[in-house]
Amino acid sequence: PEKLVTGLQAVEDKDFAYHHGIDLSGMARAVLVNLRSGEKRQGASTLTQQLARSGLLGIGNEQTYTRKFNEILYSLLIEARYDKRTILETYFNQVYLGQQGSQAIHGVASASEFWFGRDVRDHGNEQIALLIAIVRGPSYYDPRRHPDRAKARRDFVLDKMLEAKIVTQAEHDVAQKAPLGV
């Protein structure tokens, strides 16, 4: 659904349509915030960097300068080779969104079936926002194990969707009052 596409961009990568794989100003901002706080508080990965880091290319998730360099390099290469639509489609088909026993849930179609028991095209704003919310941390924002965290993150996503004019004030208010529905 279009709201899933635009909502994800509004929350995770506002400049997705304009950058070439990396967000230099976002990286500079994150470095300053992290240096001031003395710990990692903020990241600046674009959707393309998240895709590169996803395991699809074998870069890994460890926090090293080498991994970050490879992530940036692969992101630039992905952006040079593929159009934005293909990058988003690949992201949506492989993004990690939960775990069922030993089975990892990858892709929004599988996650939609897993979390809601229905097709992703049949979701209301509250389900779309919850899927976007879970992207940030599928274990941390697991709506079955941590419903309060999941609802808070979903409501944050709905706020961002309202800010970006993806939903109206009335749609926002109805979605925020809705249960998680998992």
Protein backbone atom coordinates (compact mmCIF):
# COMPACT_ATOMS: atom_id res chain seq x y z
CA PRO A 1 0.00 0.00 0.00
CA GLU A 2 1.14 3.54 -0.76
CA LYS A 3 0.79 4.58 2.89
CA LEU A 4 3.23 1.83 3.87
CA VAL A 5 5.77 3.11 1.35
CA THR A 6 5.42 6.79 2.20
CA GLY A 7 5.04 6.11 5.93
CA LEU A 8 8.25 4.10 6.09
CA GLN A 9 10.10 6.88 4.32
CA ALA A 10 8.61 9.54 6.64
CA VAL A 11 9.84 7.64 9.71
CA GLU A 12 13.05 5.92 8.60
CA ASP A 13 14.46 8.02 5.73
CA LYS A 14 12.77 11.34 4.88
CA ASP A 15 15.26 12.10 2.11
CA PHE A 16 15.13 8.67 0.44
CA ALA A 17 13.93 10.12 -2.86
CA TYR A 18 16.80 12.62 -2.97
CA HIS A 19 19.97 11.00 -1.61
CA HIS A 20 22.35 8.62 -3.36
CA GLY A 21 22.47 5.94 -0.68
CA ILE A 22 23.89 7.87 2.25
CA ASP A 23 22.79 10.94 4.20
CA LEU A 24 25.88 12.99 5.01
CA SER A 25 24.03 15.60 7.08
CA GLY A 26 22.28 12.85 9.04
CA MET A 27 25.60 11.12 9.66
CA ALA A 28 27.16 14.36 10.89
CA ARG A 29 24.18 15.00 13.18
CA ALA A 30 24.38 11.45 14.61
CA VAL A 31 28.13 11.77 15.25
CA LEU A 32 27.59 15.05 17.15
CA VAL A 33 24.73 13.65 19.23
CA ASN A 34 26.69 10.49 20.03
CA LEU A 35 29.86 12.41 20.92
CA ARG A 36 27.97 14.80 23.20
CA SER A 37 26.19 11.98 24.99
CA GLY A 38 29.25 9.74 25.22
CA GLU A 39 27.27 6.77 23.89
CA LYS A 40 25.47 5.67 20.74
CA ARG A 41 22.11 7.40 20.91
CA GLN A 42 21.40 8.05 17.27
CA GLY A 43 22.04 6.43 13.91
CA ALA A 44 21.81 7.84 10.44
CA SER A 45 21.36 4.82 8.21
CA THR A 46 19.30 5.33 5.10
CA LEU A 47 16.90 2.67 3.86
CA THR A 48 19.56 1.71 1.31
CA GLN A 49 22.14 1.28 4.09
CA GLN A 50 19.66 -0.81 6.06
CA LEU A 51 19.16 -2.95 2.96
CA ALA A 52 22.93 -3.36 2.52
CA ARG A 53 23.29 -4.31 6.19
CA SER A 54 20.32 -6.69 6.16
CA GLY A 55 22.37 -9.79 5.50
CA LEU A 56 21.47 -9.82 1.84
CA LEU A 57 25.03 -8.83 0.94
CA GLY A 58 26.85 -10.53 3.80
CA ILE A 59 28.15 -7.32 5.39
CA GLY A 60 27.06 -8.28 8.91
CA ASN A 61 25.73 -6.24 11.82
CA GLU A 62 28.78 -5.84 14.05
CA GLN A 63 29.62 -2.28 15.10
CA THR A 64 32.98 -1.75 13.37
CA TYR A 65 34.39 0.93 11.10
CA THR A 66 35.07 -1.70 8.44
CA ARG A 67 31.45 -2.85 8.43
CA LYS A 68 30.21 0.75 8.30
CA PHE A 69 32.58 1.53 5.41
CA ASN A 70 31.35 -1.53 3.50
CA GLU A 71 27.74 -0.57 4.22
CA ILE A 72 28.33 2.92 2.79
CA LEU A 73 30.18 1.55 -0.23
CA TYR A 74 27.47 -1.04 -0.98
CA SER A 75 24.77 1.60 -0.52
CA LEU A 76 26.42 3.85 -3.10
CA LEU A 77 26.75 0.89 -5.48
CA ILE A 78 23.11 -0.16 -4.98
CA GLU A 79 21.90 3.37 -5.64
CA ALA A 80 24.06 3.64 -8.78
CA ARG A 81 22.78 0.33 -10.13
CA TYR A 82 19.07 0.27 -9.20
CA ASP A 83 16.19 2.71 -9.26
CA LYS A 84 14.48 3.79 -6.04
CA ARG A 85 11.41 1.62 -6.68
CA THR A 86 13.53 -1.54 -6.99
CA ILE A 87 15.45 -0.66 -3.82
CA LEU A 88 12.20 -0.16 -1.89
CA GLU A 89 10.68 -3.34 -3.28
CA THR A 90 13.74 -5.33 -2.24
CA TYR A 91 13.70 -3.70 1.19
CA PHE A 92 10.02 -4.54 1.71
CA ASN A 93 10.57 -8.14 0.56
CA GLN A 94 13.48 -8.88 2.91
CA VAL A 95 13.17 -6.63 5.98
CA TYR A 96 13.23 -8.59 9.23
CA LEU A 97 9.97 -8.14 11.16
CA GLY A 98 9.81 -10.85 13.78
CA GLN A 99 10.44 -14.40 14.85
CA GLN A 100 8.21 -17.45 15.16
CA GLY A 101 10.20 -20.13 16.95
CA SER A 102 13.26 -20.76 14.81
CA GLN A 103 11.62 -19.16 11.75
CA ALA A 104 12.56 -15.55 10.97
CA ILE A 105 9.79 -13.42 9.47
CA HIS A 106 11.16 -11.48 6.50
CA GLY A 107 9.18 -9.12 4.28
CA VAL A 108 6.02 -7.14 4.87
CA ALA A 109 3.78 -9.74 3.21
CA SER A 110 4.94 -12.49 5.60
CA ALA A 111 4.86 -10.11 8.56
CA SER A 112 1.33 -9.06 7.71
CA GLU A 113 0.20 -12.66 7.71
CA PHE A 114 2.16 -13.42 10.89
CA TRP A 115 1.05 -10.40 12.94
CA PHE A 116 -2.47 -9.82 11.61
CA GLY A 117 -3.49 -12.99 9.74
CA ARG A 118 -4.29 -11.14 6.53
CA ASP A 119 -2.94 -9.60 3.36
CA VAL A 120 -0.95 -6.39 3.66
CA ARG A 121 -3.31 -4.69 1.18
CA ASP A 122 -6.20 -5.08 3.64
CA HIS A 123 -4.69 -3.02 6.48
CA GLY A 124 -5.94 0.13 8.09
CA ASN A 125 -3.67 2.96 9.13
CA GLU A 126 -3.08 1.45 12.58
CA GLN A 127 -1.74 -1.85 11.15
CA ILE A 128 0.42 -0.05 8.58
CA ALA A 129 1.87 2.13 11.35
CA LEU A 130 2.54 -0.92 13.52
CA LEU A 131 4.43 -2.69 10.71
CA ILE A 132 6.55 0.44 10.24
CA ALA A 133 7.06 0.65 14.01
CA ILE A 134 8.31 -2.93 14.23
CA VAL A 135 11.05 -2.24 11.63
CA ARG A 136 13.01 -0.30 14.26
CA GLY A 137 13.35 -3.33 16.53
CA PRO A 138 11.26 -6.45 15.96
CA SER A 139 12.11 -7.97 19.34
CA TYR A 140 11.97 -4.76 21.33
CA TYR A 141 8.67 -3.65 19.74
CA ASP A 142 7.13 -7.14 19.56
CA PRO A 143 3.42 -6.32 20.02
CA ARG A 144 2.62 -9.67 21.63
CA ARG A 145 5.41 -9.57 24.23
CA HIS A 146 5.70 -5.78 24.67
CA PRO A 147 2.33 -4.23 23.76
CA ASP A 148 3.01 -0.94 25.58
CA ARG A 149 6.29 -0.38 23.70
CA ALA A 150 4.69 -1.39 20.41
CA LYS A 151 1.75 0.97 20.93
CA ALA A 152 4.02 3.88 21.88
CA ARG A 153 6.15 3.32 18.78
CA ARG A 154 3.05 2.86 16.58
CA ASP A 155 1.66 6.15 17.88
CA PHE A 156 5.00 7.85 17.16
CA VAL A 157 4.80 6.51 13.58
CA LEU A 158 1.23 7.80 13.29
CA ASP A 159 2.44 11.22 14.46
CA LYS A 160 5.11 11.21 11.74
CA MET A 161 2.52 10.11 9.16
CA LEU A 162 0.29 13.01 10.22
CA GLU A 163 3.23 15.43 10.07
CA ALA A 164 3.99 14.23 6.52
CA LYS A 165 0.29 14.55 5.58
CA ILE A 166 0.01 10.84 4.82
CA VAL A 167 -3.01 10.59 7.12
CA THR A 168 -5.55 13.22 8.12
CA GLN A 169 -6.05 14.34 11.70
CA ALA A 170 -9.26 12.28 11.89
CA GLU A 171 -7.52 9.15 10.53
CA HIS A 172 -4.66 9.70 12.97
CA ASP A 173 -6.99 10.00 15.95
CA VAL A 174 -8.99 6.88 15.01
CA ALA A 175 -5.80 4.86 14.45
CA GLN A 176 -4.29 5.92 17.78
CA LYS A 177 -7.38 4.76 19.64
CA ALA A 178 -7.42 1.38 17.88
CA PRO A 179 -6.04 -1.72 19.61
CA LEU A 180 -2.87 -3.32 18.26
CA GLY A 181 -4.98 -6.10 16.74
CA VAL A 182 -2.34 -8.81 16.63
